[in-house]
N, C-alpha and C. Protein backbone atom coordinates (compact mmCIF):
# COMPACT_ATOMS: atom_id res chain seq x y z
N MET A 1 122.95 80.95 67.12
CA MET A 1 122.85 82.37 66.15
C MET A 1 120.63 81.98 66.84
N ILE A 2 120.66 83.39 66.75
CA ILE A 2 118.98 83.54 66.27
C ILE A 2 118.28 84.36 65.20
N LYS A 3 117.51 83.12 64.57
CA LYS A 3 116.99 83.76 62.85
C LYS A 3 116.67 84.62 62.32
N SER A 4 116.88 85.42 61.28
CA SER A 4 115.79 86.68 61.70
C SER A 4 114.15 86.31 61.59
N ASP A 5 113.75 85.98 61.11
CA ASP A 5 112.55 85.52 61.32
C ASP A 5 111.93 84.79 62.79
N VAL A 6 112.72 85.08 63.96
CA VAL A 6 112.34 84.19 64.55
C VAL A 6 113.28 85.86 65.65
N LEU A 7 113.76 86.96 65.19
CA LEU A 7 114.21 88.24 65.95
C LEU A 7 113.05 88.77 65.18
N LYS A 8 112.04 88.96 64.12
CA LYS A 8 111.62 89.65 63.78
C LYS A 8 110.10 89.50 65.33
N LYS A 9 109.62 88.23 65.16
CA LYS A 9 108.84 88.10 66.37
C LYS A 9 109.31 88.06 67.31
N ILE A 10 110.75 88.23 67.75
CA ILE A 10 110.61 88.78 69.59
C ILE A 10 110.65 89.79 69.13
N GLU A 11 111.18 90.71 68.27
CA GLU A 11 110.73 92.38 68.13
C GLU A 11 109.12 92.79 67.90
N LYS A 12 108.29 92.13 67.45
CA LYS A 12 107.06 92.87 67.31
C LYS A 12 106.36 92.42 68.66
N LYS A 13 106.77 91.05 69.14
CA LYS A 13 105.98 90.68 70.62
C LYS A 13 106.80 92.02 71.94
N LEU A 14 107.59 92.63 71.57
CA LEU A 14 107.94 93.41 72.49
C LEU A 14 107.67 94.77 72.11
N GLU A 15 107.70 95.34 71.43
CA GLU A 15 106.56 96.01 70.68
C GLU A 15 105.33 96.32 71.66
N GLU A 16 104.71 94.71 71.52
CA GLU A 16 103.46 94.74 72.43
C GLU A 16 103.48 95.43 73.56
N ASP A 17 104.53 94.53 74.43
CA ASP A 17 105.43 94.92 75.99
C ASP A 17 105.01 95.69 75.99
N ILE A 18 105.81 96.67 75.14
CA ILE A 18 105.83 98.18 75.33
C ILE A 18 104.40 98.86 75.53
N SER A 19 103.49 98.72 74.85
CA SER A 19 102.83 99.83 75.03
C SER A 19 101.47 98.58 75.87
N LYS A 20 101.99 97.90 76.49
CA LYS A 20 100.78 97.32 77.42
C LYS A 20 101.60 97.93 78.88
N GLU A 21 102.80 98.46 78.80
CA GLU A 21 103.41 99.20 80.24
C GLU A 21 103.07 100.20 80.03
N ILE A 22 103.10 100.89 78.59
CA ILE A 22 102.98 102.66 78.88
C ILE A 22 101.62 102.70 79.07
N GLU A 23 100.22 101.52 78.87
CA GLU A 23 99.96 102.20 79.29
C GLU A 23 98.55 101.75 80.16
N LEU A 24 99.78 101.04 81.20
CA LEU A 24 99.53 100.53 82.60
C LEU A 24 99.97 101.60 83.25
N ILE A 25 101.20 102.65 82.99
CA ILE A 25 101.90 103.77 83.60
C ILE A 25 100.27 104.60 82.98
N LYS A 26 99.69 104.41 82.50
CA LYS A 26 98.85 105.82 81.81
C LYS A 26 97.98 105.86 82.86
N ARG A 27 97.15 105.04 83.02
CA ARG A 27 95.78 104.09 83.60
C ARG A 27 96.16 104.14 85.19
N GLU A 28 97.59 104.57 86.36
CA GLU A 28 98.16 104.61 86.90
C GLU A 28 98.05 105.80 87.37
N VAL A 29 98.42 106.85 86.49
CA VAL A 29 98.46 108.40 86.76
C VAL A 29 97.22 108.99 86.84
N TYR A 30 96.93 108.92 85.84
CA TYR A 30 95.33 109.06 85.67
C TYR A 30 94.30 108.98 87.11
N PHE A 31 94.51 107.88 87.36
CA PHE A 31 93.78 107.54 88.20
C PHE A 31 94.04 107.99 89.46
N ILE A 32 95.14 108.29 90.01
CA ILE A 32 95.96 108.64 91.25
C ILE A 32 95.19 110.53 90.92
N LEU A 33 95.19 111.10 89.80
CA LEU A 33 94.77 112.73 89.60
C LEU A 33 93.29 112.47 89.08
N ASP A 34 93.07 111.62 89.20
CA ASP A 34 91.21 111.55 89.23
C ASP A 34 90.93 111.84 91.20
N LYS A 35 91.34 111.67 91.54
CA LYS A 35 91.52 111.71 93.32
C LYS A 35 90.91 113.45 93.54
N GLU A 36 90.12 113.43 94.68
CA GLU A 36 90.65 114.44 95.24
C GLU A 36 91.52 115.25 96.38
N LEU A 37 92.68 115.89 95.45
CA LEU A 37 93.81 115.46 96.52
C LEU A 37 94.34 116.79 95.63
N ASP A 38 94.90 117.59 97.14
CA ASP A 38 95.44 118.66 96.50
C ASP A 38 96.33 119.26 95.68
N ILE A 39 96.44 119.51 95.09
CA ILE A 39 96.10 120.39 93.49
C ILE A 39 97.59 121.13 93.39
N TYR A 40 98.54 121.12 94.35
CA TYR A 40 100.03 121.20 94.09
C TYR A 40 100.81 120.14 94.66
N PHE A 41 100.28 119.59 95.69
CA PHE A 41 100.22 117.97 95.88
C PHE A 41 100.25 117.26 94.18
N LEU A 42 99.05 117.40 93.41
CA LEU A 42 99.03 116.26 92.14
C LEU A 42 99.62 116.86 90.73
N LYS A 43 100.03 117.56 90.81
CA LYS A 43 101.56 118.47 89.75
C LYS A 43 102.02 117.86 90.16
N GLU A 44 103.03 117.69 91.48
CA GLU A 44 104.55 116.90 91.38
C GLU A 44 104.31 115.18 91.18
N PHE A 45 103.09 115.36 91.55
CA PHE A 45 102.27 113.54 91.34
C PHE A 45 103.13 113.75 89.80
N ALA A 46 102.32 114.48 89.54
CA ALA A 46 102.39 114.22 87.96
C ALA A 46 103.89 114.92 86.82
N LYS A 47 104.63 115.24 87.71
CA LYS A 47 105.77 115.45 87.26
C LYS A 47 106.90 114.59 87.25
N HIS A 48 106.87 114.34 88.38
CA HIS A 48 107.52 113.31 89.02
C HIS A 48 107.55 111.63 89.15
N TYR A 49 106.25 111.46 88.59
CA TYR A 49 106.08 109.91 89.24
C TYR A 49 106.39 109.13 87.68
N PRO A 50 105.54 109.73 86.80
CA PRO A 50 105.45 108.78 85.54
C PRO A 50 107.24 108.19 85.35
N PRO A 51 107.94 109.63 86.04
CA PRO A 51 109.58 109.17 84.64
C PRO A 51 110.18 107.68 86.07
N LYS A 52 109.90 107.98 87.06
CA LYS A 52 109.63 106.71 87.88
C LYS A 52 109.17 105.63 87.41
N LEU A 53 107.92 106.12 86.91
CA LEU A 53 107.51 104.31 86.53
C LEU A 53 107.84 103.85 85.49
N LEU A 54 108.29 104.42 84.48
CA LEU A 54 109.28 104.48 83.76
C LEU A 54 110.30 104.08 83.39
N LYS A 55 111.33 104.48 85.01
CA LYS A 55 112.64 103.45 85.06
C LYS A 55 111.97 101.90 85.30
N GLU A 56 111.19 101.61 86.29
CA GLU A 56 110.63 100.51 86.64
C GLU A 56 110.32 99.56 85.83
N LYS A 57 109.63 99.87 84.51
CA LYS A 57 109.11 99.51 83.74
C LYS A 57 109.98 99.24 82.54
N ALA A 58 111.14 100.30 82.60
CA ALA A 58 112.32 99.66 81.59
C ALA A 58 112.85 98.48 81.68
N GLU A 59 112.76 98.41 83.41
CA GLU A 59 114.29 97.01 83.87
C GLU A 59 113.25 95.71 83.32
N ILE A 60 111.68 95.71 83.82
CA ILE A 60 111.04 95.18 83.36
C ILE A 60 111.31 94.07 82.03
N LEU A 61 111.00 95.15 81.10
CA LEU A 61 111.06 94.96 79.71
C LEU A 61 112.31 94.69 79.36
N LEU A 62 113.49 95.53 80.24
CA LEU A 62 114.65 94.74 79.43
C LEU A 62 115.06 93.18 80.30
N ASP A 63 114.28 93.13 81.01
CA ASP A 63 114.33 91.05 81.55
C ASP A 63 113.44 90.55 80.59
N THR A 64 112.57 90.91 79.56
CA THR A 64 111.87 90.42 79.09
C THR A 64 112.38 89.77 77.68
N LEU A 65 112.92 91.44 77.67
CA LEU A 65 113.72 91.05 75.86
C LEU A 65 114.78 89.91 75.91
N LEU A 66 116.29 90.06 77.32
CA LEU A 66 116.73 88.71 77.82
C LEU A 66 116.41 87.47 77.88
N ASN A 67 115.36 87.27 78.18
CA ASN A 67 114.66 86.40 78.32
C ASN A 67 113.79 85.59 77.12
N TYR A 68 113.81 86.93 76.26
CA TYR A 68 113.13 86.00 74.90
C TYR A 68 114.38 85.95 74.04
N PHE A 69 115.83 86.46 74.35
CA PHE A 69 116.93 85.65 73.34
C PHE A 69 117.64 84.33 74.46
N MET A 70 117.90 84.67 75.37
CA MET A 70 118.18 83.38 76.19
C MET A 70 117.53 81.77 75.75
N LYS A 71 115.85 82.12 75.52
CA LYS A 71 115.64 80.66 75.33
C LYS A 71 115.66 80.74 73.59
N GLU A 72 116.13 81.61 73.29
CA GLU A 72 116.23 80.53 71.60
C GLU A 72 117.86 80.16 71.45
N VAL A 73 118.39 81.46 72.45
CA VAL A 73 119.77 80.56 72.30
C VAL A 73 119.68 79.36 72.90
N LEU A 74 119.55 78.77 73.60
CA LEU A 74 119.72 77.89 74.95
C LEU A 74 119.25 76.43 73.61
N GLU A 75 117.87 77.45 73.40
CA GLU A 75 118.04 75.51 72.41
C GLU A 75 119.00 75.55 71.18
N ASP A 76 119.19 76.18 70.71
CA ASP A 76 120.76 76.08 69.87
C ASP A 76 121.92 76.12 70.92
N ILE A 77 122.34 76.61 72.03
CA ILE A 77 122.95 75.88 72.75
C ILE A 77 122.98 74.59 73.37
N LYS A 78 122.46 73.94 73.41
CA LYS A 78 122.18 72.31 74.17
C LYS A 78 122.07 71.59 72.75
N ASN A 79 122.11 71.85 71.57
CA ASN A 79 122.62 70.78 70.61
C ASN A 79 123.71 70.81 70.69
N ARG A 80 124.43 71.50 71.08
CA ARG A 80 126.68 71.72 70.88
C ARG A 80 126.71 70.66 71.79
N HIS A 81 127.74 70.84 71.25
CA HIS A 81 129.18 70.28 72.05
C HIS A 81 129.00 71.01 73.62
N PRO A 82 129.84 69.78 74.74
CA PRO A 82 129.23 70.56 76.17
C PRO A 82 130.49 71.34 76.04
N ASP A 83 131.60 71.26 75.39
CA ASP A 83 132.72 72.01 75.40
C ASP A 83 132.18 73.57 75.12
N ILE A 84 131.21 73.64 74.01
CA ILE A 84 130.22 75.20 73.78
C ILE A 84 129.65 75.63 75.07
N GLN A 85 129.13 74.33 74.94
CA GLN A 85 128.05 75.32 76.47
C GLN A 85 128.57 75.30 77.64
N TYR A 86 129.64 74.49 77.94
CA TYR A 86 130.71 75.36 79.23
C TYR A 86 131.27 76.83 78.52
N GLU A 87 131.55 76.77 77.58
CA GLU A 87 131.87 77.87 77.23
C GLU A 87 131.02 79.34 77.33
N PHE A 88 130.30 79.10 76.19
CA PHE A 88 129.01 80.28 76.91
C PHE A 88 128.33 80.24 78.28
N PHE A 89 128.04 79.21 79.23
CA PHE A 89 127.79 79.51 80.55
C PHE A 89 129.00 80.18 81.38
N LYS A 90 130.04 80.15 80.59
CA LYS A 90 130.97 81.45 81.42
C LYS A 90 130.86 82.46 81.26
N VAL A 91 130.22 82.06 79.95
CA VAL A 91 130.54 84.17 79.57
C VAL A 91 130.09 84.92 80.12
N ASN A 92 128.25 84.13 80.40
CA ASN A 92 127.84 84.25 81.32
C ASN A 92 126.44 86.01 80.79
N LEU A 93 126.78 85.63 79.32
CA LEU A 93 126.14 86.61 78.18
C LEU A 93 124.38 87.38 79.00
N ARG A 94 123.97 86.45 79.49
CA ARG A 94 122.70 87.71 80.23
C ARG A 94 123.04 88.19 81.09
N ASP A 95 124.03 88.09 81.90
CA ASP A 95 123.89 88.81 83.35
C ASP A 95 125.40 90.26 82.68
N LYS A 96 125.75 90.19 81.62
CA LYS A 96 126.59 90.99 80.85
C LYS A 96 125.86 92.00 80.41
N ILE A 97 125.02 91.41 79.30
CA ILE A 97 124.24 92.41 78.83
C ILE A 97 123.55 93.27 80.03
N ARG A 98 122.80 92.75 80.35
CA ARG A 98 121.74 93.35 81.96
C ARG A 98 122.52 94.77 82.83
N ASN A 99 124.02 94.10 82.70
CA ASN A 99 124.70 95.24 83.75
C ASN A 99 125.12 95.92 83.09
N TRP A 100 125.23 95.93 81.78
CA TRP A 100 125.85 97.15 80.81
C TRP A 100 124.66 97.63 80.66
N ALA A 101 123.24 97.03 80.54
CA ALA A 101 121.95 98.25 80.51
C ALA A 101 121.41 99.02 81.13
N LEU A 102 121.84 98.13 82.47
CA LEU A 102 122.16 99.16 83.56
C LEU A 102 123.01 100.10 84.58
N SER A 103 123.70 99.92 83.73
CA SER A 103 125.13 100.83 83.70
C SER A 103 125.22 102.23 83.65
N GLU A 104 125.64 103.40 84.38
CA GLU A 104 125.64 104.72 84.44
C GLU A 104 125.27 105.14 82.85
N ASN A 105 126.23 104.17 81.46
CA ASN A 105 126.43 104.67 80.51
C ASN A 105 125.61 104.29 80.26
N GLY A 106 124.83 102.71 79.95
CA GLY A 106 123.74 102.07 78.97
C GLY A 106 122.53 102.84 79.77
N LYS A 107 122.41 102.73 81.32
CA LYS A 107 120.61 102.63 81.10
C LYS A 107 119.96 103.76 81.05
N PHE A 108 119.12 103.73 80.64
CA PHE A 108 117.49 104.23 80.21
C PHE A 108 117.69 105.96 81.18
N ARG A 109 116.68 106.61 80.19
CA ARG A 109 116.94 108.41 81.72
C ARG A 109 115.64 108.61 81.05
N PRO A 110 114.57 108.41 81.20
CA PRO A 110 113.60 108.88 81.35
C PRO A 110 114.24 110.72 81.42
N PHE A 111 112.83 111.42 80.45
CA PHE A 111 112.95 113.20 80.96
C PHE A 111 111.93 113.28 81.79
N LEU A 112 111.53 114.10 82.46
CA LEU A 112 111.12 114.86 83.56
C LEU A 112 109.66 115.28 82.30
N PRO A 113 108.58 115.28 82.65
CA PRO A 113 107.65 115.59 81.96
C PRO A 113 107.23 117.36 82.14
N ASN A 114 106.84 117.83 80.83
CA ASN A 114 106.46 119.43 81.39
C ASN A 114 105.13 119.51 81.88
N ILE A 115 104.85 119.59 82.98
CA ILE A 115 104.01 120.30 83.19
C ILE A 115 103.54 121.25 83.74
N LYS A 116 102.35 121.93 83.24
CA LYS A 116 102.28 123.03 83.33
C LYS A 116 101.29 123.86 83.64
N GLU A 117 100.98 125.13 84.56
CA GLU A 117 99.69 125.88 84.65
C GLU A 117 99.29 126.53 84.22
N LYS A 118 97.67 127.48 84.31
CA LYS A 118 97.61 128.43 83.89
C LYS A 118 97.82 129.93 84.63
N GLU A 119 98.43 130.39 84.80
CA GLU A 119 98.55 131.82 85.05
C GLU A 119 96.96 131.36 86.02
N GLY A 120 96.81 132.09 87.12
CA GLY A 120 95.93 132.52 88.18
C GLY A 120 94.87 130.70 88.43
N MET A 121 95.68 130.06 87.58
CA MET A 121 94.85 128.68 88.36
C MET A 121 95.06 127.81 89.64
N LEU A 122 96.14 128.15 90.34
CA LEU A 122 96.75 127.66 90.93
C LEU A 122 96.56 128.50 92.69
N GLU A 123 95.65 128.51 93.23
CA GLU A 123 95.27 129.91 94.12
C GLU A 123 96.47 129.07 95.86
N LYS A 124 96.19 130.18 96.45
CA LYS A 124 96.53 129.70 97.84
C LYS A 124 95.39 129.46 98.83
N THR A 125 95.50 128.76 99.97
CA THR A 125 94.88 128.59 101.16
C THR A 125 93.71 129.53 101.20
N LEU A 126 92.18 128.84 100.92
CA LEU A 126 91.33 130.28 101.40
C LEU A 126 90.21 130.28 102.02
N ILE A 127 90.96 130.97 102.79
CA ILE A 127 89.16 130.96 104.41
C ILE A 127 88.41 131.96 104.19
N ILE A 128 87.17 131.07 103.87
CA ILE A 128 85.98 131.72 103.70
C ILE A 128 84.95 132.27 104.55
N ALA A 129 85.03 131.42 105.63
CA ALA A 129 84.41 131.87 106.46
C ALA A 129 84.77 131.22 108.02
N PRO A 130 84.37 131.78 109.23
CA PRO A 130 85.35 131.54 110.27
C PRO A 130 85.24 129.68 109.89
N GLY A 131 86.32 128.55 110.67
CA GLY A 131 85.89 127.63 110.91
C GLY A 131 85.86 126.27 109.14
N VAL A 132 86.23 127.40 108.31
CA VAL A 132 85.76 126.77 107.01
C VAL A 132 87.05 127.39 106.18
N VAL A 133 87.97 126.15 106.01
CA VAL A 133 89.16 126.58 104.98
C VAL A 133 89.03 125.66 103.95
N VAL A 134 89.61 126.46 102.45
CA VAL A 134 89.01 125.94 101.52
C VAL A 134 91.01 125.57 101.01
N SER A 135 91.46 124.25 100.75
CA SER A 135 92.68 124.27 100.02
C SER A 135 93.21 124.67 99.02
N ALA A 136 94.20 124.67 98.57
CA ALA A 136 94.05 124.49 97.23
C ALA A 136 94.13 123.90 96.04
N GLY A 137 93.47 122.40 96.72
CA GLY A 137 92.92 121.66 96.39
C GLY A 137 91.68 121.06 95.79
N GLY A 138 90.90 122.78 96.26
CA GLY A 138 89.71 123.03 96.38
C GLY A 138 88.88 121.79 97.98
N LEU A 139 89.46 121.78 98.28
CA LEU A 139 89.03 121.00 99.70
C LEU A 139 88.94 121.22 101.01
N ILE A 140 87.65 121.32 101.75
CA ILE A 140 87.12 121.30 102.81
C ILE A 140 88.52 120.71 103.59
N VAL A 141 89.31 121.61 104.18
CA VAL A 141 90.14 120.91 105.51
C VAL A 141 89.34 121.03 106.75
N THR A 142 88.93 122.24 106.86
CA THR A 142 88.14 122.31 108.38
C THR A 142 86.85 122.91 107.81
N ALA A 143 86.00 122.47 108.87
CA ALA A 143 84.67 122.90 108.83
C ALA A 143 84.00 122.68 109.93
N THR A 144 84.58 122.49 111.00
CA THR A 144 84.14 122.96 112.26
C THR A 144 83.17 123.90 112.75
N ILE A 145 81.97 124.74 112.42
CA ILE A 145 81.78 125.60 112.55
C ILE A 145 80.78 125.31 113.57
N PRO A 146 80.58 126.38 115.10
CA PRO A 146 80.46 125.75 116.19
C PRO A 146 78.54 125.66 115.55
N GLU A 147 78.53 125.43 116.87
CA GLU A 147 76.70 125.02 116.49
C GLU A 147 75.46 125.99 117.58
N THR A 148 76.61 126.82 118.01
CA THR A 148 76.21 128.07 118.84
C THR A 148 76.09 128.96 117.58
N LEU A 149 77.04 128.50 116.46
CA LEU A 149 77.40 129.87 115.53
C LEU A 149 75.97 129.49 114.45
N THR A 150 75.42 131.08 114.88
CA THR A 150 74.47 131.78 113.82
C THR A 150 74.81 131.80 112.32
N LEU A 151 74.18 131.24 111.22
CA LEU A 151 75.01 131.72 109.39
C LEU A 151 75.19 132.94 109.80
N LYS A 152 73.84 133.29 110.80
CA LYS A 152 74.40 135.21 110.12
C LYS A 152 75.33 135.70 111.41
N ALA A 153 76.22 135.14 111.27
CA ALA A 153 77.35 135.53 112.01
C ALA A 153 78.46 135.91 111.51
N ILE A 154 78.22 135.04 110.41
CA ILE A 154 79.80 134.85 109.28
C ILE A 154 79.28 135.97 108.42
N PRO A 155 80.61 137.29 108.56
CA PRO A 155 80.64 138.17 108.06
C PRO A 155 80.69 137.81 106.32
N ALA A 156 79.37 138.80 106.16
CA ALA A 156 79.34 138.52 104.15
C ALA A 156 78.77 137.77 103.94
N VAL A 157 78.18 136.67 104.70
CA VAL A 157 77.41 135.54 104.58
C VAL A 157 76.23 134.94 105.12
N SER A 158 75.49 135.21 104.59
CA SER A 158 73.80 134.95 105.37
C SER A 158 73.54 133.46 105.29
N THR A 159 74.02 132.96 103.79
CA THR A 159 73.88 131.77 103.95
C THR A 159 75.39 130.77 103.22
N LEU A 160 75.25 129.46 102.97
CA LEU A 160 76.21 128.98 102.64
C LEU A 160 76.43 128.95 101.75
N ILE A 161 75.58 129.78 100.61
CA ILE A 161 75.76 129.72 98.95
C ILE A 161 76.93 130.40 98.63
N GLY A 162 77.60 131.67 99.12
CA GLY A 162 78.94 132.35 99.25
C GLY A 162 80.30 130.89 99.21
N PRO A 163 80.18 130.25 100.42
CA PRO A 163 81.26 129.21 100.54
C PRO A 163 81.12 127.89 99.03
N ILE A 164 80.05 128.06 99.62
CA ILE A 164 78.85 126.26 97.74
C ILE A 164 80.28 127.52 96.54
N TYR A 165 79.56 128.23 96.51
CA TYR A 165 80.32 128.71 95.18
C TYR A 165 81.22 128.89 95.07
N ILE A 166 82.37 129.38 95.29
CA ILE A 166 84.08 129.44 96.00
C ILE A 166 84.71 128.16 95.87
N ILE A 167 83.58 127.43 95.98
CA ILE A 167 84.45 125.72 95.70
C ILE A 167 83.88 124.69 94.84
N LYS A 168 82.65 125.60 94.64
CA LYS A 168 82.75 125.18 92.92
C LYS A 168 83.73 126.04 91.71
N LYS A 169 83.92 127.07 92.03
CA LYS A 169 85.29 127.98 91.43
C LYS A 169 86.23 127.03 91.53
N PHE A 170 86.76 126.50 92.95
CA PHE A 170 88.07 125.95 93.29
C PHE A 170 87.80 124.52 92.18
N LYS A 171 87.02 123.40 92.07
CA LYS A 171 86.65 122.01 91.47
C LYS A 171 86.91 122.62 90.11
N ASN A 172 86.04 123.39 89.35
CA ASN A 172 85.98 123.88 88.14
C ASN A 172 87.48 124.25 87.77
N LYS A 173 88.10 125.13 88.37
CA LYS A 173 89.59 125.40 87.93
C LYS A 173 90.17 123.76 88.02
N ASN A 174 90.16 123.06 88.82
CA ASN A 174 91.29 122.07 89.31
C ASN A 174 91.03 120.95 88.24
N ARG A 175 89.71 120.53 88.03
CA ARG A 175 89.46 119.89 87.01
C ARG A 175 89.84 120.50 85.29
N ARG A 176 89.70 120.91 84.62
CA ARG A 176 90.89 122.10 84.40
C ARG A 176 92.19 121.27 84.06
N LEU A 177 92.12 122.13 85.16
CA LEU A 177 94.56 121.33 85.07
C LEU A 177 94.36 120.39 84.94
N LYS A 178 93.35 119.49 85.62
CA LYS A 178 93.80 118.08 85.30
C LYS A 178 93.68 117.43 84.17
N LYS A 179 92.56 117.98 83.19
CA LYS A 179 92.59 118.27 82.01
C LYS A 179 94.09 118.09 80.98
N MET A 180 94.17 119.31 81.39
CA MET A 180 95.13 119.61 81.34
C MET A 180 96.54 118.71 81.35
N TRP A 181 96.75 118.20 82.51
CA TRP A 181 97.47 117.65 82.58
C TRP A 181 97.93 115.77 82.13
N LYS A 182 96.59 115.88 82.46
CA LYS A 182 96.80 114.02 81.21
C LYS A 182 96.80 114.32 80.14
N ARG A 183 96.23 115.56 79.24
CA ARG A 183 96.82 115.81 78.34
C ARG A 183 98.47 115.99 77.70
N GLN A 184 99.01 116.23 78.66
CA GLN A 184 100.33 116.17 78.77
C GLN A 184 101.36 115.69 78.64
N ILE A 185 100.57 114.79 80.02
CA ILE A 185 101.05 113.41 79.91
C ILE A 185 101.15 112.10 79.45
N ASN A 186 99.94 112.67 78.71
CA ASN A 186 99.68 111.48 77.30
C ASN A 186 100.64 111.61 76.10
N LEU A 187 101.28 113.25 75.99
CA LEU A 187 102.37 113.61 75.33
C LEU A 187 103.34 112.65 75.67
N TYR A 188 103.82 113.04 77.24
CA TYR A 188 104.56 112.61 77.32
C TYR A 188 104.97 112.00 77.11
N LEU A 189 104.27 110.02 77.44
CA LEU A 189 104.34 108.42 77.57
C LEU A 189 104.35 108.36 76.19
N LYS A 190 103.71 108.83 75.24
CA LYS A 190 103.74 108.99 73.76
C LYS A 190 105.56 109.00 72.80
N HIS A 191 105.96 110.36 73.46
CA HIS A 191 107.34 110.41 73.00
C HIS A 191 108.09 109.38 73.91
N SER A 192 107.89 109.17 75.46
CA SER A 192 108.73 108.03 76.07
C SER A 192 108.14 106.77 75.78
N LYS A 193 107.55 106.01 74.62
CA LYS A 193 107.38 104.65 74.16
C LYS A 193 108.49 104.98 73.17
N GLY A 194 108.53 105.86 72.43
CA GLY A 194 109.49 105.86 71.63
C GLY A 194 111.32 105.59 71.87
N GLU A 195 111.38 106.30 72.71
CA GLU A 195 112.15 106.82 73.77
C GLU A 195 112.89 105.39 74.13
N LEU A 196 112.19 104.43 75.04
CA LEU A 196 112.26 103.56 75.90
C LEU A 196 112.28 102.06 74.17
N LYS A 197 112.06 101.98 73.39
CA LYS A 197 111.91 101.25 72.13
C LYS A 197 113.10 101.41 71.82
N ASN A 198 113.68 102.59 71.70
CA ASN A 198 115.18 102.61 71.16
C ASN A 198 116.00 102.13 72.09
N TRP A 199 115.85 102.04 73.40
CA TRP A 199 116.66 101.61 74.17
C TRP A 199 116.72 100.98 74.42
N LEU A 200 115.63 99.88 74.23
CA LEU A 200 115.56 98.69 74.81
C LEU A 200 116.30 97.70 72.89
N PHE A 201 116.21 98.34 71.54
CA PHE A 201 116.83 97.83 70.68
C PHE A 201 118.35 98.25 70.53
N GLN A 202 119.15 99.29 70.88
CA GLN A 202 120.29 99.22 71.78
C GLN A 202 120.90 98.13 72.18
N VAL A 203 119.57 97.52 73.17
CA VAL A 203 120.42 96.27 74.00
C VAL A 203 120.28 95.31 73.39
N GLU A 204 119.35 95.38 71.98
CA GLU A 204 119.11 94.16 71.44
C GLU A 204 120.17 93.80 70.66
N SER A 205 120.81 94.80 70.02
CA SER A 205 121.89 95.24 68.99
C SER A 205 122.79 95.12 70.05
N LYS A 206 123.48 95.30 70.88
CA LYS A 206 124.81 94.77 72.53
C LYS A 206 124.52 93.26 72.16
N PHE A 207 123.14 92.81 72.63
CA PHE A 207 123.24 91.26 72.68
C PHE A 207 123.67 90.80 71.48
N LEU A 208 123.24 90.96 70.52
CA LEU A 208 123.46 90.17 69.31
C LEU A 208 124.74 90.27 68.65
N ASN A 209 125.01 91.47 68.61
CA ASN A 209 126.77 91.73 68.79
C ASN A 209 128.06 90.76 69.57
N GLU A 210 127.46 90.80 70.93
CA GLU A 210 128.19 89.91 71.65
C GLU A 210 127.98 88.85 71.22
N LEU A 211 127.14 88.05 70.65
CA LEU A 211 126.57 86.87 70.94
C LEU A 211 127.78 85.81 69.96
N ILE A 212 127.92 86.94 68.91
CA ILE A 212 128.07 87.29 66.87
C ILE A 212 129.97 86.89 67.70
N ASN A 213 130.38 87.74 68.19
CA ASN A 213 131.65 87.54 68.42
C ASN A 213 131.67 86.20 69.39
N PHE A 214 130.88 85.31 69.71
CA PHE A 214 131.24 84.82 70.70
C PHE A 214 130.91 83.44 69.78
N TYR A 215 130.39 83.32 69.19
CA TYR A 215 130.40 82.21 68.08
C TYR A 215 131.51 82.24 67.43
N LYS A 216 132.46 83.74 66.65
CA LYS A 216 133.54 84.04 66.21
C LYS A 216 135.04 83.78 66.92
N LYS A 217 134.95 83.78 68.16
CA LYS A 217 135.39 83.18 68.94
C LYS A 217 135.93 81.32 69.21
N LEU A 218 134.72 81.50 69.05
CA LEU A 218 134.75 79.24 69.22
C LEU A 218 135.25 79.02 67.96
N ASN A 219 134.89 79.57 66.31
CA ASN A 219 135.26 78.87 65.52
C ASN A 219 136.99 79.23 65.28
N THR A 220 137.23 80.41 65.68
CA THR A 220 138.72 80.82 65.55
C THR A 220 139.47 79.95 66.26
N VAL A 221 138.65 79.48 67.74
CA VAL A 221 139.77 78.35 68.57
C VAL A 221 140.08 77.21 68.02
N ASN A 222 138.52 77.10 66.92
CA ASN A 222 138.19 75.56 67.02
C ASN A 222 139.07 75.46 65.46
N SER A 223 139.21 76.01 64.90
CA SER A 223 140.32 76.14 63.19
C SER A 223 142.17 75.99 64.10
N LEU A 224 142.12 76.96 65.13
CA LEU A 224 143.63 76.49 65.07
C LEU A 224 143.71 75.19 65.89
N LYS A 225 142.71 74.77 66.36
CA LYS A 225 143.25 72.92 67.06
C LYS A 225 143.48 71.82 66.02
């Protein structure tokens, strides 16, 4: 059995592990959001990538938790009679709990983050001059103005001040969007951290109940001998 003081230490260590993994997710998502990529791509990225990472981290944390438990249980089992050791390994408790935790009924299910954008902030691709195209992400997709074309030949643009102003406007809007999405992702991860913790504690409860049942079964069998 796992003693109560040992169990508390495991739970504390697990909470630290959860915090570290959540922070890693946030850093990775923020790193991509800071890139000068198409804003529509970034919106979809912010919506779908964090849940994907949460699923991956949930499986890592599941293995971590089971490893913590098995380390303590094996310390106890190794001092028991060989028959008890045999029965324990035959039960294959670690794989049994892991399979349950990853099953359709038991697996961790992160929801999609609520990524919003302010009205009018997502723009269509804009042609600001011949050969100069700005994407919705505020990037110059094409800037191949022929050398023979003078600036005066560009309609309504005698200098590049106009296009530069528009590009700057796009970037300012996108910068505000990214900041807003970062706040939304941060709130999402805070909530998901609690959901992930609850799920892992359900796994803990399942493991401990199965372990208790194992020892009860052994005691029953021994009493009948």
